[in-house]
PDB file of all heavy atoms in Angstrom:
ATOM      1  N   ILE A   1      41.270 -74.421 144.426  1.00  0.00           N
ATOM      2  CA  ILE A   1      41.971 -74.349 143.149  1.00  0.00           C
ATOM      3  C   ILE A   1      41.769 -75.638 142.315  1.00  0.00           C
ATOM      4  O   ILE A   1      41.593 -75.619 141.088  1.00  0.00           O
ATOM      5  CB  ILE A   1      43.485 -74.098 143.338  1.00  0.00           C
ATOM      6  CG1 ILE A   1      43.690 -72.713 143.965  1.00  0.00           C
ATOM      7  CG2 ILE A   1      44.263 -74.243 142.070  1.00  0.00           C
ATOM      8  CD1 ILE A   1      45.103 -72.443 144.382  1.00  0.00           C
ATOM      9  N   SER A   2      41.711 -76.775 143.010  1.00  0.00           N
ATOM     10  CA  SER A   2      41.560 -78.114 142.353  1.00  0.00           C
ATOM     11  C   SER A   2      40.283 -78.153 141.569  1.00  0.00           C
ATOM     12  O   SER A   2      39.164 -77.864 142.037  1.00  0.00           O
ATOM     13  CB  SER A   2      41.611 -79.165 143.407  1.00  0.00           C
ATOM     14  OG  SER A   2      41.556 -80.464 142.763  1.00  0.00           O
ATOM     15  N   ASP A   3      40.373 -78.561 140.342  1.00  0.00           N
ATOM     16  CA  ASP A   3      39.237 -78.752 139.386  1.00  0.00           C
ATOM     17  C   ASP A   3      38.503 -77.414 139.028  1.00  0.00           C
ATOM     18  O   ASP A   3      37.518 -77.484 138.265  1.00  0.00           O
ATOM     19  CB  ASP A   3      38.237 -79.750 139.917  1.00  0.00           C
ATOM     20  CG  ASP A   3      38.792 -81.129 140.174  1.00  0.00           C
ATOM     21  OD1 ASP A   3      39.682 -81.533 139.352  1.00  0.00           O
ATOM     22  OD2 ASP A   3      38.475 -81.698 141.141  1.00  0.00           O
ATOM     23  N   VAL A   4      38.987 -76.316 139.524  1.00  0.00           N
ATOM     24  CA  VAL A   4      38.323 -75.055 139.316  1.00  0.00           C
ATOM     25  C   VAL A   4      39.309 -74.112 138.551  1.00  0.00           C
ATOM     26  O   VAL A   4      38.865 -73.475 137.528  1.00  0.00           O
ATOM     27  CB  VAL A   4      37.874 -74.391 140.649  1.00  0.00           C
ATOM     28  CG1 VAL A   4      37.270 -72.945 140.310  1.00  0.00           C
ATOM     29  CG2 VAL A   4      36.902 -75.213 141.332  1.00  0.00           C
ATOM     30  N   GLY A   5      40.513 -74.011 138.967  1.00  0.00           N
ATOM     31  CA  GLY A   5      41.466 -73.140 138.384  1.00  0.00           C
ATOM     32  C   GLY A   5      41.340 -71.730 138.924  1.00  0.00           C
ATOM     33  O   GLY A   5      40.570 -71.451 139.798  1.00  0.00           O
ATOM     34  N   VAL A   6      42.076 -70.847 138.313  1.00  0.00           N
ATOM     35  CA  VAL A   6      42.065 -69.443 138.655  1.00  0.00           C
ATOM     36  C   VAL A   6      41.553 -68.715 137.411  1.00  0.00           C
ATOM     37  O   VAL A   6      42.120 -68.778 136.336  1.00  0.00           O
ATOM     38  CB  VAL A   6      43.445 -68.897 138.978  1.00  0.00           C
ATOM     39  CG1 VAL A   6      43.460 -67.422 139.340  1.00  0.00           C
ATOM     40  CG2 VAL A   6      44.001 -69.756 140.193  1.00  0.00           C
ATOM     41  N   ARG A   7      40.467 -67.960 137.599  1.00  0.00           N
ATOM     42  CA  ARG A   7      39.853 -67.138 136.520  1.00  0.00           C
ATOM     43  C   ARG A   7      40.615 -65.829 136.377  1.00  0.00           C
ATOM     44  O   ARG A   7      40.873 -65.164 137.363  1.00  0.00           O
ATOM     45  CB  ARG A   7      38.395 -66.930 136.771  1.00  0.00           C
ATOM     46  CG  ARG A   7      37.624 -66.395 135.617  1.00  0.00           C
ATOM     47  CD  ARG A   7      36.126 -66.333 135.991  1.00  0.00           C
ATOM     48  NE  ARG A   7      35.418 -65.803 134.824  1.00  0.00           N
ATOM     49  CZ  ARG A   7      34.899 -66.578 133.850  1.00  0.00           C
ATOM     50  NH1 ARG A   7      35.155 -67.904 133.888  1.00  0.00           N
ATOM     51  NH2 ARG A   7      34.229 -66.033 132.829  1.00  0.00           N
ATOM     52  N   ALA A   8      40.903 -65.438 135.179  1.00  0.00           N
ATOM     53  CA  ALA A   8      41.544 -64.252 134.927  1.00  0.00           C
ATOM     54  C   ALA A   8      40.651 -63.056 135.101  1.00  0.00           C
ATOM     55  O   ALA A   8      39.388 -63.165 134.924  1.00  0.00           O
ATOM     56  CB  ALA A   8      42.119 -64.268 133.483  1.00  0.00           C
ATOM     57  N   ASP A   9      41.218 -61.845 135.453  1.00  0.00           N
ATOM     58  CA  ASP A   9      40.464 -60.655 135.483  1.00  0.00           C
ATOM     59  C   ASP A   9      39.983 -60.204 134.149  1.00  0.00           C
ATOM     60  O   ASP A   9      38.956 -59.596 133.953  1.00  0.00           O
ATOM     61  CB  ASP A   9      41.280 -59.520 136.165  1.00  0.00           C
ATOM     62  CG  ASP A   9      41.625 -59.805 137.572  1.00  0.00           C
ATOM     63  OD1 ASP A   9      40.717 -60.225 138.353  1.00  0.00           O
ATOM     64  OD2 ASP A   9      42.829 -59.689 137.962  1.00  0.00           O
ATOM     65  N   GLU A  10      40.858 -60.487 133.180  1.00  0.00           N
ATOM     66  CA  GLU A  10      40.537 -60.188 131.739  1.00  0.00           C
ATOM     67  C   GLU A  10      40.778 -61.432 130.916  1.00  0.00           C
ATOM     68  O   GLU A  10      41.947 -61.876 130.821  1.00  0.00           O
ATOM     69  CB  GLU A  10      41.342 -59.047 131.231  1.00  0.00           C
ATOM     70  CG  GLU A  10      41.045 -58.730 129.727  1.00  0.00           C
ATOM     71  CD  GLU A  10      41.824 -57.552 129.170  1.00  0.00           C
ATOM     72  OE1 GLU A  10      42.460 -56.824 130.037  1.00  0.00           O
ATOM     73  OE2 GLU A  10      41.849 -57.333 127.942  1.00  0.00           O
ATOM     74  N   GLU A  11      39.695 -62.052 130.351  1.00  0.00           N
ATOM     75  CA  GLU A  11      39.824 -63.243 129.576  1.00  0.00           C
ATOM     76  C   GLU A  11      40.425 -62.993 128.213  1.00  0.00           C
ATOM     77  O   GLU A  11      39.898 -62.097 127.536  1.00  0.00           O
ATOM     78  CB  GLU A  11      38.507 -63.962 129.480  1.00  0.00           C
ATOM     79  CG  GLU A  11      37.961 -64.510 130.755  1.00  0.00           C
ATOM     80  CD  GLU A  11      38.561 -65.786 131.158  1.00  0.00           C
ATOM     81  OE1 GLU A  11      39.225 -66.463 130.308  1.00  0.00           O
ATOM     82  OE2 GLU A  11      38.450 -66.211 132.360  1.00  0.00           O
ATOM     83  N   VAL A  12      41.453 -63.687 127.885  1.00  0.00           N
ATOM     84  CA  VAL A  12      42.035 -63.604 126.517  1.00  0.00           C
ATOM     85  C   VAL A  12      42.318 -64.991 125.995  1.00  0.00           C
ATOM     86  O   VAL A  12      42.989 -65.707 126.618  1.00  0.00           O
ATOM     87  CB  VAL A  12      43.421 -62.816 126.544  1.00  0.00           C
ATOM     88  CG1 VAL A  12      44.024 -62.788 125.131  1.00  0.00           C
ATOM     89  CG2 VAL A  12      43.224 -61.430 127.094  1.00  0.00           C
ATOM     90  N   GLU A  13      41.709 -65.310 124.865  1.00  0.00           N
ATOM     91  CA  GLU A  13      41.916 -66.635 124.249  1.00  0.00           C
ATOM     92  C   GLU A  13      43.259 -66.615 123.543  1.00  0.00           C
ATOM     93  O   GLU A  13      43.456 -65.857 122.588  1.00  0.00           O
ATOM     94  CB  GLU A  13      40.769 -66.931 123.308  1.00  0.00           C
ATOM     95  CG  GLU A  13      40.906 -68.347 122.782  1.00  0.00           C
ATOM     96  CD  GLU A  13      39.706 -68.709 121.797  1.00  0.00           C
ATOM     97  OE1 GLU A  13      38.720 -67.972 121.824  1.00  0.00           O
ATOM     98  OE2 GLU A  13      39.750 -69.736 121.202  1.00  0.00           O
ATOM     99  N   MET A  14      44.109 -67.492 123.960  1.00  0.00           N
ATOM    100  CA  MET A  14      45.463 -67.582 123.446  1.00  0.00           C
ATOM    101  C   MET A  14      45.434 -68.337 122.094  1.00  0.00           C
ATOM    102  O   MET A  14      44.732 -69.400 122.015  1.00  0.00           O
ATOM    103  CB  MET A  14      46.439 -68.285 124.369  1.00  0.00           C
ATOM    104  CG  MET A  14      46.503 -67.651 125.796  1.00  0.00           C
ATOM    105  SD  MET A  14      47.072 -65.982 125.752  1.00  0.00           S
ATOM    106  CE  MET A  14      46.951 -65.486 127.456  1.00  0.00           C
ATOM    107  N   GLU A  15      46.132 -67.888 121.135  1.00  0.00           N
ATOM    108  CA  GLU A  15      46.280 -68.581 119.843  1.00  0.00           C
ATOM    109  C   GLU A  15      47.005 -69.909 120.045  1.00  0.00           C
ATOM    110  O   GLU A  15      46.642 -70.943 119.503  1.00  0.00           O
ATOM    111  CB  GLU A  15      46.967 -67.748 118.772  1.00  0.00           C
ATOM    112  CG  GLU A  15      46.029 -66.681 118.208  1.00  0.00           C
ATOM    113  CD  GLU A  15      46.712 -65.920 117.126  1.00  0.00           C
ATOM    114  OE1 GLU A  15      47.907 -65.969 116.977  1.00  0.00           O
ATOM    115  OE2 GLU A  15      45.974 -65.320 116.304  1.00  0.00           O
ATOM    116  N   THR A  16      48.114 -69.834 120.816  1.00  0.00           N
ATOM    117  CA  THR A  16      48.868 -71.031 121.100  1.00  0.00           C
ATOM    118  C   THR A  16      49.178 -71.041 122.601  1.00  0.00           C
ATOM    119  O   THR A  16      49.241 -69.989 123.214  1.00  0.00           O
ATOM    120  CB  THR A  16      50.227 -71.074 120.319  1.00  0.00           C
ATOM    121  OG1 THR A  16      50.941 -69.868 120.615  1.00  0.00           O
ATOM    122  CG2 THR A  16      49.894 -71.182 118.829  1.00  0.00           C
ATOM    123  N   GLN A  17      49.357 -72.242 123.154  1.00  0.00           N
ATOM    124  CA  GLN A  17      49.678 -72.386 124.488  1.00  0.00           C
ATOM    125  C   GLN A  17      51.020 -72.912 124.695  1.00  0.00           C
ATOM    126  O   GLN A  17      51.573 -73.629 123.824  1.00  0.00           O
ATOM    127  CB  GLN A  17      48.636 -73.326 125.241  1.00  0.00           C
ATOM    128  CG  GLN A  17      47.255 -72.773 125.329  1.00  0.00           C
ATOM    129  CD  GLN A  17      46.305 -73.662 126.054  1.00  0.00           C
ATOM    130  OE1 GLN A  17      46.571 -74.857 126.150  1.00  0.00           O
ATOM    131  NE2 GLN A  17      45.266 -73.182 126.511  1.00  0.00           N
ATOM    132  N   ASN A  18      51.734 -72.547 125.740  1.00  0.00           N
ATOM    133  CA  ASN A  18      53.022 -73.040 126.087  1.00  0.00           C
ATOM    134  C   ASN A  18      54.046 -72.732 125.001  1.00  0.00           C
ATOM    135  O   ASN A  18      54.926 -73.531 124.649  1.00  0.00           O
ATOM    136  CB  ASN A  18      52.979 -74.578 126.337  1.00  0.00           C
ATOM    137  CG  ASN A  18      54.249 -75.029 127.067  1.00  0.00           C
ATOM    138  OD1 ASN A  18      54.868 -74.268 127.723  1.00  0.00           O
ATOM    139  ND2 ASN A  18      54.513 -76.292 126.946  1.00  0.00           N
ATOM    140  N   THR A  19      53.919 -71.539 124.359  1.00  0.00           N
ATOM    141  CA  THR A  19      54.840 -71.141 123.304  1.00  0.00           C
ATOM    142  C   THR A  19      55.972 -70.350 123.919  1.00  0.00           C
ATOM    143  O   THR A  19      55.821 -69.489 124.659  1.00  0.00           O
ATOM    144  CB  THR A  19      54.062 -70.224 122.302  1.00  0.00           C
ATOM    145  OG1 THR A  19      52.990 -70.975 121.731  1.00  0.00           O
ATOM    146  CG2 THR A  19      54.981 -69.783 121.214  1.00  0.00           C
ATOM    147  N   LEU A  20      57.113 -70.851 123.560  1.00  0.00           N
ATOM    148  CA  LEU A  20      58.425 -70.224 124.041  1.00  0.00           C
ATOM    149  C   LEU A  20      58.545 -68.847 123.343  1.00  0.00           C
ATOM    150  O   LEU A  20      58.669 -68.864 122.115  1.00  0.00           O
ATOM    151  CB  LEU A  20      59.609 -71.090 123.793  1.00  0.00           C
ATOM    152  CG  LEU A  20      60.937 -70.553 124.283  1.00  0.00           C
ATOM    153  CD1 LEU A  20      60.926 -70.383 125.819  1.00  0.00           C
ATOM    154  CD2 LEU A  20      61.979 -71.517 123.888  1.00  0.00           C
ATOM    155  N   LEU A  21      58.513 -67.809 124.067  1.00  0.00           N
ATOM    156  CA  LEU A  21      58.709 -66.460 123.405  1.00  0.00           C
ATOM    157  C   LEU A  21      60.115 -66.213 123.128  1.00  0.00           C
ATOM    158  O   LEU A  21      60.995 -66.401 123.891  1.00  0.00           O
ATOM    159  CB  LEU A  21      58.088 -65.369 124.402  1.00  0.00           C
ATOM    160  CG  LEU A  21      56.558 -65.489 124.658  1.00  0.00           C
ATOM    161  CD1 LEU A  21      56.305 -64.364 125.679  1.00  0.00           C
ATOM    162  CD2 LEU A  21      55.831 -65.285 123.420  1.00  0.00           C
ATOM    163  N   LYS A  22      60.326 -65.625 121.910  1.00  0.00           N
ATOM    164  CA  LYS A  22      61.645 -65.109 121.563  1.00  0.00           C
ATOM    165  C   LYS A  22      61.551 -63.636 121.718  1.00  0.00           C
ATOM    166  O   LYS A  22      60.603 -62.957 121.615  1.00  0.00           O
ATOM    167  CB  LYS A  22      61.904 -65.459 120.089  1.00  0.00           C
ATOM    168  CG  LYS A  22      61.926 -66.922 119.807  1.00  0.00           C
ATOM    169  CD  LYS A  22      62.909 -67.752 120.590  1.00  0.00           C
ATOM    170  CE  LYS A  22      62.927 -69.145 120.261  1.00  0.00           C
ATOM    171  NZ  LYS A  22      63.885 -69.954 120.993  1.00  0.00           N
ATOM    172  N   PRO A  23      62.708 -63.041 122.035  1.00  0.00           N
ATOM    173  CA  PRO A  23      62.761 -61.566 122.312  1.00  0.00           C
ATOM    174  C   PRO A  23      62.122 -60.763 121.140  1.00  0.00           C
ATOM    175  O   PRO A  23      61.457 -59.739 121.473  1.00  0.00           O
ATOM    176  CB  PRO A  23      64.295 -61.266 122.440  1.00  0.00           C
ATOM    177  CG  PRO A  23      64.896 -62.559 122.896  1.00  0.00           C
ATOM    178  CD  PRO A  23      64.062 -63.636 122.191  1.00  0.00           C
ATOM    179  N   GLU A  24      62.289 -61.181 119.883  1.00  0.00           N
ATOM    180  CA  GLU A  24      61.733 -60.399 118.787  1.00  0.00           C
ATOM    181  C   GLU A  24      60.260 -60.490 118.758  1.00  0.00           C
ATOM    182  O   GLU A  24      59.575 -59.740 118.035  1.00  0.00           O
ATOM    183  CB  GLU A  24      62.330 -60.895 117.505  1.00  0.00           C
ATOM    184  CG  GLU A  24      62.068 -62.334 117.132  1.00  0.00           C
ATOM    185  CD  GLU A  24      63.172 -63.306 117.641  1.00  0.00           C
ATOM    186  OE1 GLU A  24      63.894 -62.839 118.493  1.00  0.00           O
ATOM    187  OE2 GLU A  24      63.222 -64.454 117.116  1.00  0.00           O
ATOM    188  N   MET A  25      59.583 -61.473 119.502  1.00  0.00           N
ATOM    189  CA  MET A  25      58.195 -61.632 119.471  1.00  0.00           C
ATOM    190  C   MET A  25      57.487 -60.778 120.529  1.00  0.00           C
ATOM    191  O   MET A  25      56.325 -60.520 120.522  1.00  0.00           O
ATOM    192  CB  MET A  25      57.757 -63.062 119.733  1.00  0.00           C
ATOM    193  CG  MET A  25      58.088 -64.012 118.615  1.00  0.00           C
ATOM    194  SD  MET A  25      57.660 -65.698 119.080  1.00  0.00           S
ATOM    195  CE  MET A  25      55.918 -65.556 119.409  1.00  0.00           C
ATOM    196  N   LEU A  26      58.299 -60.258 121.484  1.00  0.00           N
ATOM    197  CA  LEU A  26      57.687 -59.571 122.637  1.00  0.00           C
ATOM    198  C   LEU A  26      56.978 -58.382 122.243  1.00  0.00           C
ATOM    199  O   LEU A  26      57.428 -57.420 121.651  1.00  0.00           O
ATOM    200  CB  LEU A  26      58.766 -59.243 123.651  1.00  0.00           C
ATOM    201  CG  LEU A  26      59.479 -60.405 124.320  1.00  0.00           C
ATOM    202  CD1 LEU A  26      60.572 -59.973 125.339  1.00  0.00           C
ATOM    203  CD2 LEU A  26      58.492 -61.330 125.038  1.00  0.00           C
ATOM    204  N   GLY A  27      55.660 -58.359 122.592  1.00  0.00           N
ATOM    205  CA  GLY A  27      54.820 -57.158 122.339  1.00  0.00           C
ATOM    206  C   GLY A  27      54.298 -57.045 120.963  1.00  0.00           C
ATOM    207  O   GLY A  27      53.551 -56.138 120.593  1.00  0.00           O
ATOM    208  N   GLY A  28      54.734 -57.973 120.051  1.00  0.00           N
ATOM    209  CA  GLY A  28      54.333 -57.919 118.662  1.00  0.00           C
ATOM    210  C   GLY A  28      53.236 -58.870 118.266  1.00  0.00           C
ATOM    211  O   GLY A  28      52.051 -58.558 118.351  1.00  0.00           O
ATOM    212  N   GLU A  29      53.627 -60.100 117.954  1.00  0.00           N
ATOM    213  CA  GLU A  29      52.649 -61.080 117.436  1.00  0.00           C
ATOM    214  C   GLU A  29      51.885 -61.796 118.609  1.00  0.00           C
ATOM    215  O   GLU A  29      50.963 -62.492 118.326  1.00  0.00           O
ATOM    216  CB  GLU A  29      53.462 -62.197 116.603  1.00  0.00           C
ATOM    217  CG  GLU A  29      54.190 -61.560 115.466  1.00  0.00           C
ATOM    218  CD  GLU A  29      55.109 -62.514 114.807  1.00  0.00           C
ATOM    219  OE1 GLU A  29      54.963 -63.764 115.068  1.00  0.00           O
ATOM    220  OE2 GLU A  29      55.919 -62.162 113.983  1.00  0.00           O
ATOM    221  N   ASP A  30      52.394 -61.656 119.799  1.00  0.00           N
ATOM    222  CA  ASP A  30      51.741 -62.421 120.928  1.00  0.00           C
ATOM    223  C   ASP A  30      50.584 -61.576 121.437  1.00  0.00           C
ATOM    224  O   ASP A  30      50.706 -60.567 122.044  1.00  0.00           O
ATOM    225  CB  ASP A  30      52.792 -62.594 122.009  1.00  0.00           C
ATOM    226  CG  ASP A  30      52.320 -63.485 123.127  1.00  0.00           C
ATOM    227  OD1 ASP A  30      51.328 -63.233 123.717  1.00  0.00           O
ATOM    228  OD2 ASP A  30      52.964 -64.507 123.374  1.00  0.00           O
ATOM    229  N   ILE A  31      49.386 -62.162 121.263  1.00  0.00           N
ATOM    230  CA  ILE A  31      48.082 -61.457 121.675  1.00  0.00           C
ATOM    231  C   ILE A  31      48.087 -61.271 123.088  1.00  0.00           C
ATOM    232  O   ILE A  31      47.756 -60.155 123.667  1.00  0.00           O
ATOM    233  CB  ILE A  31      46.903 -62.278 121.207  1.00  0.00           C
ATOM    234  CG1 ILE A  31      46.800 -62.248 119.632  1.00  0.00           C
ATOM    235  CG2 ILE A  31      45.598 -61.629 121.707  1.00  0.00           C
ATOM    236  CD1 ILE A  31      45.783 -63.190 119.080  1.00  0.00           C
ATOM    237  N   GLY A  32      48.342 -62.325 123.924  1.00  0.00           N
ATOM    238  CA  GLY A  32      48.275 -62.200 125.354  1.00  0.00           C
ATOM    239  C   GLY A  32      49.242 -61.172 125.908  1.00  0.00           C
ATOM    240  O   GLY A  32      48.888 -60.366 126.767  1.00  0.00           O
ATOM    241  N   LEU A  33      50.453 -61.246 125.393  1.00  0.00           N
ATOM    242  CA  LEU A  33      51.480 -60.232 125.923  1.00  0.00           C
ATOM    243  C   LEU A  33      51.072 -58.848 125.501  1.00  0.00           C
ATOM    244  O   LEU A  33      51.314 -57.874 126.235  1.00  0.00           O
ATOM    245  CB  LEU A  33      52.863 -60.680 125.419  1.00  0.00           C
ATOM    246  CG  LEU A  33      54.026 -59.801 125.921  1.00  0.00           C
ATOM    247  CD1 LEU A  33      54.013 -59.745 127.460  1.00  0.00           C
ATOM    248  CD2 LEU A  33      55.332 -60.260 125.404  1.00  0.00           C
ATOM    249  N   SER A  34      50.586 -58.697 124.286  1.00  0.00           N
ATOM    250  CA  SER A  34      50.222 -57.413 123.801  1.00  0.00           C
ATOM    251  C   SER A  34      49.114 -56.755 124.745  1.00  0.00           C
ATOM    252  O   SER A  34      49.107 -55.595 125.126  1.00  0.00           O
ATOM    253  CB  SER A  34      49.642 -57.439 122.372  1.00  0.00           C
ATOM    254  OG  SER A  34      50.658 -57.794 121.482  1.00  0.00           O
ATOM    255  N   LYS A  35      48.088 -57.641 125.094  1.00  0.00           N
ATOM    256  CA  LYS A  35      47.122 -57.204 126.083  1.00  0.00           C
ATOM    257  C   LYS A  35      47.746 -56.826 127.447  1.00  0.00           C
ATOM    258  O   LYS A  35      47.338 -55.826 128.063  1.00  0.00           O
ATOM    259  CB  LYS A  35      46.074 -58.405 126.274  1.00  0.00           C
ATOM    260  CG  LYS A  35      45.238 -58.580 125.099  1.00  0.00           C
ATOM    261  CD  LYS A  35      43.961 -57.749 125.140  1.00  0.00           C
ATOM    262  CE  LYS A  35      42.986 -58.134 124.075  1.00  0.00           C
ATOM    263  NZ  LYS A  35      41.780 -57.359 124.118  1.00  0.00           N
ATOM    264  N   ALA A  36      48.732 -57.641 127.863  1.00  0.00           N
ATOM    265  CA  ALA A  36      49.376 -57.333 129.140  1.00  0.00           C
ATOM    266  C   ALA A  36      50.130 -56.050 129.196  1.00  0.00           C
ATOM    267  O   ALA A  36      50.066 -55.239 130.143  1.00  0.00           O
ATOM    268  CB  ALA A  36      50.294 -58.455 129.496  1.00  0.00           C
ATOM    269  N   ILE A  37      50.761 -55.696 128.057  1.00  0.00           N
ATOM    270  CA  ILE A  37      51.492 -54.476 127.921  1.00  0.00           C
ATOM    271  C   ILE A  37      50.543 -53.299 127.934  1.00  0.00           C
ATOM    272  O   ILE A  37      50.752 -52.307 128.555  1.00  0.00           O
ATOM    273  CB  ILE A  37      52.311 -54.488 126.646  1.00  0.00           C
ATOM    274  CG1 ILE A  37      53.468 -55.506 126.724  1.00  0.00           C
ATOM    275  CG2 ILE A  37      52.923 -53.086 126.353  1.00  0.00           C
ATOM    276  CD1 ILE A  37      54.283 -55.675 125.493  1.00  0.00           C
ATOM    277  N   ARG A  38      49.390 -53.482 127.258  1.00  0.00           N
ATOM    278  CA  ARG A  38      48.394 -52.411 127.253  1.00  0.00           C
ATOM    279  C   ARG A  38      47.791 -52.203 128.639  1.00  0.00           C
ATOM    280  O   ARG A  38      47.608 -51.076 129.082  1.00  0.00           O
ATOM    281  CB  ARG A  38      47.281 -52.736 126.339  1.00  0.00           C
ATOM    282  CG  ARG A  38      47.651 -52.477 124.813  1.00  0.00           C
ATOM    283  CD  ARG A  38      46.348 -52.345 123.942  1.00  0.00           C
ATOM    284  NE  ARG A  38      45.737 -53.609 123.836  1.00  0.00           N
ATOM    285  CZ  ARG A  38      46.009 -54.511 122.900  1.00  0.00           C
ATOM    286  NH1 ARG A  38      46.973 -54.371 121.994  1.00  0.00           N
ATOM    287  NH2 ARG A  38      45.315 -55.635 122.816  1.00  0.00           N
ATOM    288  N   SER A  39      47.644 -53.267 129.421  1.00  0.00           N
ATOM    289  CA  SER A  39      47.170 -53.155 130.775  1.00  0.00           C
ATOM    290  C   SER A  39      48.153 -52.440 131.621  1.00  0.00           C
ATOM    291  O   SER A  39      47.847 -51.608 132.481  1.00  0.00           O
ATOM    292  CB  SER A  39      46.855 -54.523 131.326  1.00  0.00           C
ATOM    293  OG  SER A  39      45.754 -55.129 130.701  1.00  0.00           O
ATOM    294  N   ALA A  40      49.418 -52.770 131.473  1.00  0.00           N
ATOM    295  CA  ALA A  40      50.509 -52.139 132.229  1.00  0.00           C
ATOM    296  C   ALA A  40      50.571 -50.626 131.921  1.00  0.00           C
ATOM    297  O   ALA A  40      50.716 -49.797 132.858  1.00  0.00           O
ATOM    298  CB  ALA A  40      51.883 -52.786 131.900  1.00  0.00           C
ATOM    299  N   ARG A  41      50.438 -50.325 130.692  1.00  0.00           N
ATOM    300  CA  ARG A  41      50.399 -48.860 130.335  1.00  0.00           C
ATOM    301  C   ARG A  41      49.215 -48.173 130.961  1.00  0.00           C
ATOM    302  O   ARG A  41      49.354 -47.067 131.323  1.00  0.00           O
ATOM    303  CB  ARG A  41      50.376 -48.762 128.767  1.00  0.00           C
ATOM    304  CG  ARG A  41      51.688 -49.139 128.121  1.00  0.00           C
ATOM    305  CD  ARG A  41      51.523 -49.208 126.593  1.00  0.00           C
ATOM    306  NE  ARG A  41      52.694 -49.553 125.928  1.00  0.00           N
ATOM    307  CZ  ARG A  41      52.769 -50.062 124.716  1.00  0.00           C
ATOM    308  NH1 ARG A  41      51.701 -50.260 124.016  1.00  0.00           N
ATOM    309  NH2 ARG A  41      54.058 -50.352 124.205  1.00  0.00           N
TER     310      ARG A  41
END
């Protein structure tokens, strides 16, 4: 893991990192979460 990290199964470039999500943002403006919801579906 050191100096290599964990590679995602599906790469998604985040617009912002370490952004605190508010309930009203869930599934809407957040690209990563929107992708995750589609994957779950």
